[in-house]
Amino acid sequence: MSKFGELIDANVPVLLDFYADWNEQSIAMHPVLRDVAAALGDKGKVIKIDVDKNKELSQALRIKGLPTLMIYKKGEMVWRQSGEQDANTLISLLRDYLV
């Protein structure tokens, strides 16, 4: 969990994608998240977290639906949504939290 704290304690917005390789909606989000990361550049981070490899963290954060997307800013969760999202919506949300 200490590594998770380091991931989310950034001055830039951090988009977390809790996913599973066996989940169709998670797979559909891969190109969307690539587009989001490219649009943000170094002004934000996009981090994918495999729920099967990170069961303790997934349980602690009560991940139920996949994908679950969260935005953190300076260690605080500022947005959370389950299900597919489009790139423009995510980019807009992340830009709201830029320094």
PDB file of N, CA and C in Angstrom:
ATOM      1  N   MET A   1       0.815  -1.202   0.000  1.00  0.00           N
ATOM      2  CA  MET A   1       0.000   0.000   0.000  1.00  0.00           C
ATOM      3  C   MET A   1       0.856   1.263   0.000  1.00  0.00           C
ATOM      4  N   SER A   2       2.086   1.194   0.523  1.00  0.00           N
ATOM      5  CA  SER A   2       2.922   2.397   0.549  1.00  0.00           C
ATOM      6  C   SER A   2       3.275   2.828  -0.869  1.00  0.00           C
ATOM      7  N   LYS A   3       3.459   1.872  -1.783  1.00  0.00           N
ATOM      8  CA  LYS A   3       3.721   2.225  -3.174  1.00  0.00           C
ATOM      9  C   LYS A   3       2.516   2.942  -3.771  1.00  0.00           C
ATOM     10  N   PHE A   4       1.308   2.505  -3.399  1.00  0.00           N
ATOM     11  CA  PHE A   4       0.101   3.163  -3.888  1.00  0.00           C
ATOM     12  C   PHE A   4       0.076   4.614  -3.429  1.00  0.00           C
ATOM     13  N   GLY A   5       0.413   4.862  -2.169  1.00  0.00           N
ATOM     14  CA  GLY A   5       0.467   6.225  -1.650  1.00  0.00           C
ATOM     15  C   GLY A   5       1.429   7.096  -2.435  1.00  0.00           C
ATOM     16  N   GLU A   6       2.553   6.522  -2.827  1.00  0.00           N
ATOM     17  CA  GLU A   6       3.522   7.264  -3.624  1.00  0.00           C
ATOM     18  C   GLU A   6       2.977   7.572  -5.019  1.00  0.00           C
ATOM     19  N   LEU A   7       2.225   6.624  -5.587  1.00  0.00           N
ATOM     20  CA  LEU A   7       1.654   6.825  -6.922  1.00  0.00           C
ATOM     21  C   LEU A   7       0.665   7.987  -6.961  1.00  0.00           C
ATOM     22  N   ILE A   8      -0.186   8.048  -5.940  1.00  0.00           N
ATOM     23  CA  ILE A   8      -1.263   9.037  -5.973  1.00  0.00           C
ATOM     24  C   ILE A   8      -0.890  10.377  -5.357  1.00  0.00           C
ATOM     25  N   ASP A   9       0.240  10.439  -4.676  1.00  0.00           N
ATOM     26  CA  ASP A   9       0.650  11.681  -4.018  1.00  0.00           C
ATOM     27  C   ASP A   9       1.499  12.512  -4.972  1.00  0.00           C
ATOM     28  N   ALA A  10       0.865  12.941  -6.049  1.00  0.00           N
ATOM     29  CA  ALA A  10       1.576  13.713  -7.073  1.00  0.00           C
ATOM     30  C   ALA A  10       0.930  15.081  -7.218  1.00  0.00           C
ATOM     31  N   ASN A  11       1.722  16.047  -7.687  1.00  0.00           N
ATOM     32  CA  ASN A  11       1.188  17.390  -7.934  1.00  0.00           C
ATOM     33  C   ASN A  11       0.370  17.448  -9.210  1.00  0.00           C
ATOM     34  N   VAL A  12       0.488  16.429 -10.038  1.00  0.00           N
ATOM     35  CA  VAL A  12      -0.298  16.360 -11.270  1.00  0.00           C
ATOM     36  C   VAL A  12      -1.440  15.378 -11.044  1.00  0.00           C
ATOM     37  N   PRO A  13      -2.535  15.513 -11.791  1.00  0.00           N
ATOM     38  CA  PRO A  13      -3.625  14.558 -11.634  1.00  0.00           C
ATOM     39  C   PRO A  13      -3.194  13.163 -12.098  1.00  0.00           C
ATOM     40  N   VAL A  14      -3.657  12.154 -11.370  1.00  0.00           N
ATOM     41  CA  VAL A  14      -3.322  10.761 -11.670  1.00  0.00           C
ATOM     42  C   VAL A  14      -4.625  10.015 -11.949  1.00  0.00           C
ATOM     43  N   LEU A  15      -4.723   9.462 -13.152  1.00  0.00           N
ATOM     44  CA  LEU A  15      -5.871   8.641 -13.529  1.00  0.00           C
ATOM     45  C   LEU A  15      -5.496   7.184 -13.328  1.00  0.00           C
ATOM     46  N   LEU A  16      -6.230   6.509 -12.450  1.00  0.00           N
ATOM     47  CA  LEU A  16      -6.022   5.088 -12.216  1.00  0.00           C
ATOM     48  C   LEU A  16      -7.095   4.306 -12.949  1.00  0.00           C
ATOM     49  N   ASP A  17      -6.668   3.257 -13.626  1.00  0.00           N
ATOM     50  CA  ASP A  17      -7.584   2.357 -14.322  1.00  0.00           C
ATOM     51  C   ASP A  17      -7.457   0.987 -13.671  1.00  0.00           C
ATOM     52  N   PHE A  18      -8.465   0.591 -12.907  1.00  0.00           N
ATOM     53  CA  PHE A  18      -8.505  -0.749 -12.331  1.00  0.00           C
ATOM     54  C   PHE A  18      -9.172  -1.641 -13.363  1.00  0.00           C
ATOM     55  N   TYR A  19      -8.434  -2.631 -13.847  1.00  0.00           N
ATOM     56  CA  TYR A  19      -8.890  -3.431 -14.980  1.00  0.00           C
ATOM     57  C   TYR A  19      -8.561  -4.910 -14.767  1.00  0.00           C
ATOM     58  N   ALA A  20      -9.071  -5.733 -15.678  1.00  0.00           N
ATOM     59  CA  ALA A  20      -8.711  -7.150 -15.757  1.00  0.00           C
ATOM     60  C   ALA A  20      -8.621  -7.524 -17.227  1.00  0.00           C
ATOM     61  N   ASP A  21      -7.648  -8.354 -17.565  1.00  0.00           N
ATOM     62  CA  ASP A  21      -7.452  -8.759 -18.958  1.00  0.00           C
ATOM     63  C   ASP A  21      -8.609  -9.580 -19.508  1.00  0.00           C
ATOM     64  N   TRP A  22      -9.407 -10.167 -18.635  1.00  0.00           N
ATOM     65  CA  TRP A  22     -10.533 -10.995 -19.076  1.00  0.00           C
ATOM     66  C   TRP A  22     -11.822 -10.188 -19.235  1.00  0.00           C
ATOM     67  N   ASN A  23     -11.794  -8.905 -18.905  1.00  0.00           N
ATOM     68  CA  ASN A  23     -12.986  -8.064 -18.938  1.00  0.00           C
ATOM     69  C   ASN A  23     -13.033  -7.258 -20.239  1.00  0.00           C
ATOM     70  N   GLU A  24     -14.101  -7.445 -21.028  1.00  0.00           N
ATOM     71  CA  GLU A  24     -14.204  -6.793 -22.337  1.00  0.00           C
ATOM     72  C   GLU A  24     -14.178  -5.269 -22.261  1.00  0.00           C
ATOM     73  N   GLN A  25     -14.882  -4.696 -21.287  1.00  0.00           N
ATOM     74  CA  GLN A  25     -14.881  -3.228 -21.153  1.00  0.00           C
ATOM     75  C   GLN A  25     -13.490  -2.717 -20.793  1.00  0.00           C
ATOM     76  N   SER A  26     -12.760  -3.465 -19.972  1.00  0.00           N
ATOM     77  CA  SER A  26     -11.388  -3.081 -19.630  1.00  0.00           C
ATOM     78  C   SER A  26     -10.516  -3.063 -20.882  1.00  0.00           C
ATOM     79  N   ILE A  27     -10.651  -4.092 -21.696  1.00  0.00           N
ATOM     80  CA  ILE A  27      -9.862  -4.185 -22.929  1.00  0.00           C
ATOM     81  C   ILE A  27     -10.212  -3.035 -23.866  1.00  0.00           C
ATOM     82  N   ALA A  28     -11.497  -2.691 -23.951  1.00  0.00           N
ATOM     83  CA  ALA A  28     -11.933  -1.594 -24.811  1.00  0.00           C
ATOM     84  C   ALA A  28     -11.353  -0.249 -24.369  1.00  0.00           C
ATOM     85  N   MET A  29     -10.996  -0.129 -23.107  1.00  0.00           N
ATOM     86  CA  MET A  29     -10.456   1.131 -22.582  1.00  0.00           C
ATOM     87  C   MET A  29      -8.979   1.333 -22.914  1.00  0.00           C
ATOM     88  N   HIS A  30      -8.257   0.275 -23.305  1.00  0.00           N
ATOM     89  CA  HIS A  30      -6.818   0.407 -23.565  1.00  0.00           C
ATOM     90  C   HIS A  30      -6.487   1.520 -24.557  1.00  0.00           C
ATOM     91  N   PRO A  31      -7.097   1.551 -25.762  1.00  0.00           N
ATOM     92  CA  PRO A  31      -6.762   2.636 -26.696  1.00  0.00           C
ATOM     93  C   PRO A  31      -7.216   4.009 -26.200  1.00  0.00           C
ATOM     94  N   VAL A  32      -8.310   4.060 -25.470  1.00  0.00           N
ATOM     95  CA  VAL A  32      -8.798   5.323 -24.907  1.00  0.00           C
ATOM     96  C   VAL A  32      -7.756   5.882 -23.941  1.00  0.00           C
ATOM     97  N   LEU A  33      -7.238   5.025 -23.085  1.00  0.00           N
ATOM     98  CA  LEU A  33      -6.254   5.474 -22.094  1.00  0.00           C
ATOM     99  C   LEU A  33      -4.940   5.878 -22.748  1.00  0.00           C
ATOM    100  N   ARG A  34      -4.566   5.222 -23.842  1.00  0.00           N
ATOM    101  CA  ARG A  34      -3.372   5.645 -24.592  1.00  0.00           C
ATOM    102  C   ARG A  34      -3.573   7.060 -25.124  1.00  0.00           C
ATOM    103  N   ASP A  35      -4.768   7.339 -25.644  1.00  0.00           N
ATOM    104  CA  ASP A  35      -5.072   8.677 -26.156  1.00  0.00           C
ATOM    105  C   ASP A  35      -5.033   9.717 -25.040  1.00  0.00           C
ATOM    106  N   VAL A  36      -5.575   9.365 -23.893  1.00  0.00           N
ATOM    107  CA  VAL A  36      -5.577  10.276 -22.743  1.00  0.00           C
ATOM    108  C   VAL A  36      -4.146  10.569 -22.313  1.00  0.00           C
ATOM    109  N   ALA A  37      -3.331   9.532 -22.187  1.00  0.00           N
ATOM    110  CA  ALA A  37      -1.934   9.722 -21.777  1.00  0.00           C
ATOM    111  C   ALA A  37      -1.182  10.597 -22.774  1.00  0.00           C
ATOM    112  N   ALA A  38      -1.418  10.378 -24.064  1.00  0.00           N
ATOM    113  CA  ALA A  38      -0.753  11.184 -25.091  1.00  0.00           C
ATOM    114  C   ALA A  38      -1.186  12.641 -25.014  1.00  0.00           C
ATOM    115  N   ALA A  39      -2.470  12.875 -24.763  1.00  0.00           N
ATOM    116  CA  ALA A  39      -2.983  14.248 -24.684  1.00  0.00           C
ATOM    117  C   ALA A  39      -2.443  14.986 -23.460  1.00  0.00           C
ATOM    118  N   LEU A  40      -2.259  14.264 -22.365  1.00  0.00           N
ATOM    119  CA  LEU A  40      -1.781  14.890 -21.129  1.00  0.00           C
ATOM    120  C   LEU A  40      -0.289  15.152 -21.141  1.00  0.00           C
ATOM    121  N   GLY A  41       0.462  14.275 -21.766  1.00  0.00           N
ATOM    122  CA  GLY A  41       1.919  14.398 -21.728  1.00  0.00           C
ATOM    123  C   GLY A  41       2.398  14.306 -20.300  1.00  0.00           C
ATOM    124  N   ASP A  42       3.265  15.227 -19.899  1.00  0.00           N
ATOM    125  CA  ASP A  42       3.804  15.194 -18.536  1.00  0.00           C
ATOM    126  C   ASP A  42       2.951  15.999 -17.549  1.00  0.00           C
ATOM    127  N   LYS A  43       1.778  16.441 -17.981  1.00  0.00           N
ATOM    128  CA  LYS A  43       0.890  17.211 -17.098  1.00  0.00           C
ATOM    129  C   LYS A  43      -0.027  16.317 -16.273  1.00  0.00           C
ATOM    130  N   GLY A  44       0.060  15.013 -16.469  1.00  0.00           N
ATOM    131  CA  GLY A  44      -0.756  14.059 -15.731  1.00  0.00           C
ATOM    132  C   GLY A  44      -0.211  12.665 -15.911  1.00  0.00           C
ATOM    133  N   LYS A  45      -0.743  11.733 -15.160  1.00  0.00           N
ATOM    134  CA  LYS A  45      -0.313  10.341 -15.256  1.00  0.00           C
ATOM    135  C   LYS A  45      -1.526   9.450 -15.466  1.00  0.00           C
ATOM    136  N   VAL A  46      -1.316   8.387 -16.231  1.00  0.00           N
ATOM    137  CA  VAL A  46      -2.323   7.346 -16.406  1.00  0.00           C
ATOM    138  C   VAL A  46      -1.672   6.043 -15.946  1.00  0.00           C
ATOM    139  N   ILE A  47      -2.272   5.407 -14.949  1.00  0.00           N
ATOM    140  CA  ILE A  47      -1.697   4.193 -14.378  1.00  0.00           C
ATOM    141  C   ILE A  47      -2.746   3.091 -14.406  1.00  0.00           C
ATOM    142  N   LYS A  48      -2.359   1.954 -14.980  1.00  0.00           N
ATOM    143  CA  LYS A  48      -3.247   0.800 -15.056  1.00  0.00           C
ATOM    144  C   LYS A  48      -2.911  -0.150 -13.905  1.00  0.00           C
ATOM    145  N   ILE A  49      -3.952  -0.616 -13.213  1.00  0.00           N
ATOM    146  CA  ILE A  49      -3.762  -1.527 -12.085  1.00  0.00           C
ATOM    147  C   ILE A  49      -4.611  -2.772 -12.319  1.00  0.00           C
ATOM    148  N   ASP A  50      -3.955  -3.900 -12.482  1.00  0.00           N
ATOM    149  CA  ASP A  50      -4.616  -5.188 -12.710  1.00  0.00           C
ATOM    150  C   ASP A  50      -5.208  -5.670 -11.382  1.00  0.00           C
ATOM    151  N   VAL A  51      -6.535  -5.805 -11.337  1.00  0.00           N
ATOM    152  CA  VAL A  51      -7.198  -6.188 -10.082  1.00  0.00           C
ATOM    153  C   VAL A  51      -6.811  -7.597  -9.639  1.00  0.00           C
ATOM    154  N   ASP A  52      -6.500  -8.478 -10.596  1.00  0.00           N
ATOM    155  CA  ASP A  52      -6.125  -9.844 -10.243  1.00  0.00           C
ATOM    156  C   ASP A  52      -4.742  -9.910  -9.600  1.00  0.00           C
ATOM    157  N   LYS A  53      -3.874  -8.992  -9.955  1.00  0.00           N
ATOM    158  CA  LYS A  53      -2.522  -8.954  -9.392  1.00  0.00           C
ATOM    159  C   LYS A  53      -2.432  -8.044  -8.172  1.00  0.00           C
ATOM    160  N   ASN A  54      -3.478  -7.279  -7.905  1.00  0.00           N
ATOM    161  CA  ASN A  54      -3.501  -6.323  -6.797  1.00  0.00           C
ATOM    162  C   ASN A  54      -4.796  -6.468  -6.007  1.00  0.00           C
ATOM    163  N   LYS A  55      -5.055  -7.687  -5.547  1.00  0.00           N
ATOM    164  CA  LYS A  55      -6.327  -7.996  -4.877  1.00  0.00           C
ATOM    165  C   LYS A  55      -6.514  -7.214  -3.577  1.00  0.00           C
ATOM    166  N   GLU A  56      -5.454  -7.077  -2.798  1.00  0.00           N
ATOM    167  CA  GLU A  56      -5.564  -6.370  -1.518  1.00  0.00           C
ATOM    168  C   GLU A  56      -5.952  -4.905  -1.729  1.00  0.00           C
ATOM    169  N   LEU A  57      -5.293  -4.250  -2.671  1.00  0.00           N
ATOM    170  CA  LEU A  57      -5.598  -2.848  -2.981  1.00  0.00           C
ATOM    171  C   LEU A  57      -7.014  -2.724  -3.540  1.00  0.00           C
ATOM    172  N   SER A  58      -7.378  -3.631  -4.442  1.00  0.00           N
ATOM    173  CA  SER A  58      -8.715  -3.600  -5.045  1.00  0.00           C
ATOM    174  C   SER A  58      -9.799  -3.759  -3.988  1.00  0.00           C
ATOM    175  N   GLN A  59      -9.566  -4.638  -3.017  1.00  0.00           N
ATOM    176  CA  GLN A  59     -10.536  -4.819  -1.931  1.00  0.00           C
ATOM    177  C   GLN A  59     -10.592  -3.593  -1.040  1.00  0.00           C
ATOM    178  N   ALA A  60      -9.431  -3.019  -0.738  1.00  0.00           N
ATOM    179  CA  ALA A  60      -9.380  -1.838   0.131  1.00  0.00           C
ATOM    180  C   ALA A  60     -10.134  -0.658  -0.490  1.00  0.00           C
ATOM    181  N   LEU A  61     -10.086  -0.558  -1.808  1.00  0.00           N
ATOM    182  CA  LEU A  61     -10.757   0.541  -2.503  1.00  0.00           C
ATOM    183  C   LEU A  61     -12.164   0.165  -2.966  1.00  0.00           C
ATOM    184  N   ARG A  62     -12.591  -1.027  -2.588  1.00  0.00           N
ATOM    185  CA  ARG A  62     -13.943  -1.524  -2.910  1.00  0.00           C
ATOM    186  C   ARG A  62     -14.236  -1.486  -4.416  1.00  0.00           C
ATOM    187  N   ILE A  63     -13.307  -2.022  -5.187  1.00  0.00           N
ATOM    188  CA  ILE A  63     -13.499  -2.106  -6.632  1.00  0.00           C
ATOM    189  C   ILE A  63     -14.492  -3.233  -6.899  1.00  0.00           C
ATOM    190  N   LYS A  64     -15.628  -2.902  -7.464  1.00  0.00           N
ATOM    191  CA  LYS A  64     -16.677  -3.889  -7.758  1.00  0.00           C
ATOM    192  C   LYS A  64     -16.845  -4.078  -9.263  1.00  0.00           C
ATOM    193  N   GLY A  65     -17.000  -2.991 -10.008  1.00  0.00           N
ATOM    194  CA  GLY A  65     -17.191  -3.058 -11.449  1.00  0.00           C
ATOM    195  C   GLY A  65     -15.902  -2.769 -12.188  1.00  0.00           C
ATOM    196  N   LEU A  66     -15.794  -3.309 -13.392  1.00  0.00           N
ATOM    197  CA  LEU A  66     -14.606  -3.079 -14.211  1.00  0.00           C
ATOM    198  C   LEU A  66     -15.018  -2.486 -15.553  1.00  0.00           C
ATOM    199  N   PRO A  67     -14.211  -1.602 -16.065  1.00  0.00           N
ATOM    200  CA  PRO A  67     -13.119  -0.953 -15.363  1.00  0.00           C
ATOM    201  C   PRO A  67     -13.643   0.056 -14.336  1.00  0.00           C
ATOM    202  N   THR A  68     -12.859   0.309 -13.314  1.00  0.00           N
ATOM    203  CA  THR A  68     -13.142   1.415 -12.396  1.00  0.00           C
ATOM    204  C   THR A  68     -12.021   2.427 -12.585  1.00  0.00           C
ATOM    205  N   LEU A  69     -12.417   3.651 -12.842  1.00  0.00           N
ATOM    206  CA  LEU A  69     -11.465   4.737 -13.079  1.00  0.00           C
ATOM    207  C   LEU A  69     -11.540   5.719 -11.917  1.00  0.00           C
ATOM    208  N   MET A  70     -10.371   6.190 -11.490  1.00  0.00           N
ATOM    209  CA  MET A  70     -10.301   7.162 -10.397  1.00  0.00           C
ATOM    210  C   MET A  70      -9.292   8.237 -10.769  1.00  0.00           C
ATOM    211  N   ILE A  71      -9.571   9.447 -10.329  1.00  0.00           N
ATOM    212  CA  ILE A  71      -8.595  10.527 -10.468  1.00  0.00           C
ATOM    213  C   ILE A  71      -8.197  10.965  -9.067  1.00  0.00           C
ATOM    214  N   TYR A  72      -6.885  10.994  -8.850  1.00  0.00           N
ATOM    215  CA  TYR A  72      -6.325  11.478  -7.590  1.00  0.00           C
ATOM    216  C   TYR A  72      -5.524  12.733  -7.864  1.00  0.00           C
ATOM    217  N   LYS A  73      -5.547  13.638  -6.913  1.00  0.00           N
ATOM    218  CA  LYS A  73      -4.723  14.854  -6.968  1.00  0.00           C
ATOM    219  C   LYS A  73      -4.157  15.079  -5.578  1.00  0.00           C
ATOM    220  N   LYS A  74      -2.839  15.087  -5.471  1.00  0.00           N
ATOM    221  CA  LYS A  74      -2.139  15.282  -4.202  1.00  0.00           C
ATOM    222  C   LYS A  74      -2.626  14.310  -3.129  1.00  0.00           C
ATOM    223  N   GLY A  75      -2.828  13.063  -3.526  1.00  0.00           N
ATOM    224  CA  GLY A  75      -3.201  12.015  -2.583  1.00  0.00           C
ATOM    225  C   GLY A  75      -4.678  11.893  -2.275  1.00  0.00           C
ATOM    226  N   GLU A  76      -5.492  12.786  -2.823  1.00  0.00           N
ATOM    227  CA  GLU A  76      -6.935  12.765  -2.557  1.00  0.00           C
ATOM    228  C   GLU A  76      -7.711  12.331  -3.795  1.00  0.00           C
ATOM    229  N   MET A  77      -8.660  11.409  -3.610  1.00  0.00           N
ATOM    230  CA  MET A  77      -9.514  11.020  -4.727  1.00  0.00           C
ATOM    231  C   MET A  77     -10.480  12.168  -5.007  1.00  0.00           C
ATOM    232  N   VAL A  78     -10.515  12.602  -6.268  1.00  0.00           N
ATOM    233  CA  VAL A  78     -11.389  13.712  -6.640  1.00  0.00           C
ATOM    234  C   VAL A  78     -12.485  13.284  -7.610  1.00  0.00           C
ATOM    235  N   TRP A  79     -12.368  12.054  -8.156  1.00  0.00           N
ATOM    236  CA  TRP A  79     -13.375  11.551  -9.098  1.00  0.00           C
ATOM    237  C   TRP A  79     -13.263  10.044  -9.178  1.00  0.00           C
ATOM    238  N   ARG A  80     -14.417   9.376  -9.328  1.00  0.00           N
ATOM    239  CA  ARG A  80     -14.438   7.914  -9.462  1.00  0.00           C
ATOM    240  C   ARG A  80     -15.660   7.519 -10.284  1.00  0.00           C
ATOM    241  N   GLN A  81     -15.466   6.561 -11.195  1.00  0.00           N
ATOM    242  CA  GLN A  81     -16.557   6.093 -12.037  1.00  0.00           C
ATOM    243  C   GLN A  81     -16.230   4.683 -12.515  1.00  0.00           C
ATOM    244  N   SER A  82     -17.228   3.832 -12.548  1.00  0.00           N
ATOM    245  CA  SER A  82     -17.060   2.496 -13.119  1.00  0.00           C
ATOM    246  C   SER A  82     -17.656   2.468 -14.516  1.00  0.00           C
ATOM    247  N   GLY A  83     -17.073   1.642 -15.370  1.00  0.00           N
ATOM    248  CA  GLY A  83     -17.563   1.505 -16.739  1.00  0.00           C
ATOM    249  C   GLY A  83     -16.713   2.285 -17.722  1.00  0.00           C
ATOM    250  N   GLU A  84     -17.019   2.070 -18.988  1.00  0.00           N
ATOM    251  CA  GLU A  84     -16.256   2.717 -20.054  1.00  0.00           C
ATOM    252  C   GLU A  84     -16.495   4.230 -20.061  1.00  0.00           C
ATOM    253  N   GLN A  85     -15.445   4.964 -20.395  1.00  0.00           N
ATOM    254  CA  GLN A  85     -15.506   6.414 -20.547  1.00  0.00           C
ATOM    255  C   GLN A  85     -14.816   6.768 -21.860  1.00  0.00           C
ATOM    256  N   ASP A  86     -15.182   7.885 -22.444  1.00  0.00           N
ATOM    257  CA  ASP A  86     -14.507   8.281 -23.678  1.00  0.00           C
ATOM    258  C   ASP A  86     -13.327   9.187 -23.356  1.00  0.00           C
ATOM    259  N   ALA A  87     -12.389   9.264 -24.291  1.00  0.00           N
ATOM    260  CA  ALA A  87     -11.155  10.012 -24.079  1.00  0.00           C
ATOM    261  C   ALA A  87     -11.410  11.487 -23.799  1.00  0.00           C
ATOM    262  N   ASN A  88     -12.317  12.108 -24.546  1.00  0.00           N
ATOM    263  CA  ASN A  88     -12.572  13.542 -24.360  1.00  0.00           C
ATOM    264  C   ASN A  88     -13.073  13.851 -22.959  1.00  0.00           C
ATOM    265  N   THR A  89     -13.950  13.003 -22.433  1.00  0.00           N
ATOM    266  CA  THR A  89     -14.458  13.206 -21.074  1.00  0.00           C
ATOM    267  C   THR A  89     -13.326  13.104 -20.064  1.00  0.00           C
ATOM    268  N   LEU A  90     -12.491  12.089 -20.200  1.00  0.00           N
ATOM    269  CA  LEU A  90     -11.389  11.897 -19.251  1.00  0.00           C
ATOM    270  C   LEU A  90     -10.372  13.025 -19.341  1.00  0.00           C
ATOM    271  N   ILE A  91     -10.055  13.435 -20.547  1.00  0.00           N
ATOM    272  CA  ILE A  91      -9.095  14.543 -20.727  1.00  0.00           C
ATOM    273  C   ILE A  91      -9.651  15.818 -20.093  1.00  0.00           C
ATOM    274  N   SER A  92     -10.913  16.102 -20.305  1.00  0.00           N
ATOM    275  CA  SER A  92     -11.552  17.277 -19.733  1.00  0.00           C
ATOM    276  C   SER A  92     -11.514  17.229 -18.211  1.00  0.00           C
ATOM    277  N   LEU A  93     -11.855  16.080 -17.650  1.00  0.00           N
ATOM    278  CA  LEU A  93     -11.819  15.925 -16.196  1.00  0.00           C
ATOM    279  C   LEU A  93     -10.427  16.132 -15.642  1.00  0.00           C
ATOM    280  N   LEU A  94      -9.427  15.546 -16.281  1.00  0.00           N
ATOM    281  CA  LEU A  94      -8.047  15.673 -15.803  1.00  0.00           C
ATOM    282  C   LEU A  94      -7.564  17.110 -15.917  1.00  0.00           C
ATOM    283  N   ARG A  95      -7.931  17.786 -16.974  1.00  0.00           N
ATOM    284  CA  ARG A  95      -7.498  19.191 -17.144  1.00  0.00           C
ATOM    285  C   ARG A  95      -8.080  20.091 -16.062  1.00  0.00           C
ATOM    286  N   ASP A  96      -9.254  19.710 -15.540  1.00  0.00           N
ATOM    287  CA  ASP A  96      -9.844  20.475 -14.436  1.00  0.00           C
ATOM    288  C   ASP A  96      -8.951  20.465 -13.203  1.00  0.00           C
ATOM    289  N   TYR A  97      -8.079  19.456 -13.084  1.00  0.00           N
ATOM    290  CA  TYR A  97      -7.248  19.312 -11.899  1.00  0.00           C
ATOM    291  C   TYR A  97      -5.784  19.642 -12.145  1.00  0.00           C
ATOM    292  N   LEU A  98      -5.476  20.225 -13.293  1.00  0.00           N
ATOM    293  CA  LEU A  98      -4.089  20.633 -13.564  1.00  0.00           C
ATOM    294  C   LEU A  98      -3.727  21.801 -12.660  1.00  0.00           C
ATOM    295  N   VAL A  99      -2.466  21.880 -12.328  1.00  0.00           N
ATOM    296  CA  VAL A  99      -1.965  22.950 -11.452  1.00  0.00           C
ATOM    297  C   VAL A  99      -2.063  24.278 -12.157  1.00  0.00           C
TER     298      VAL A  99
END
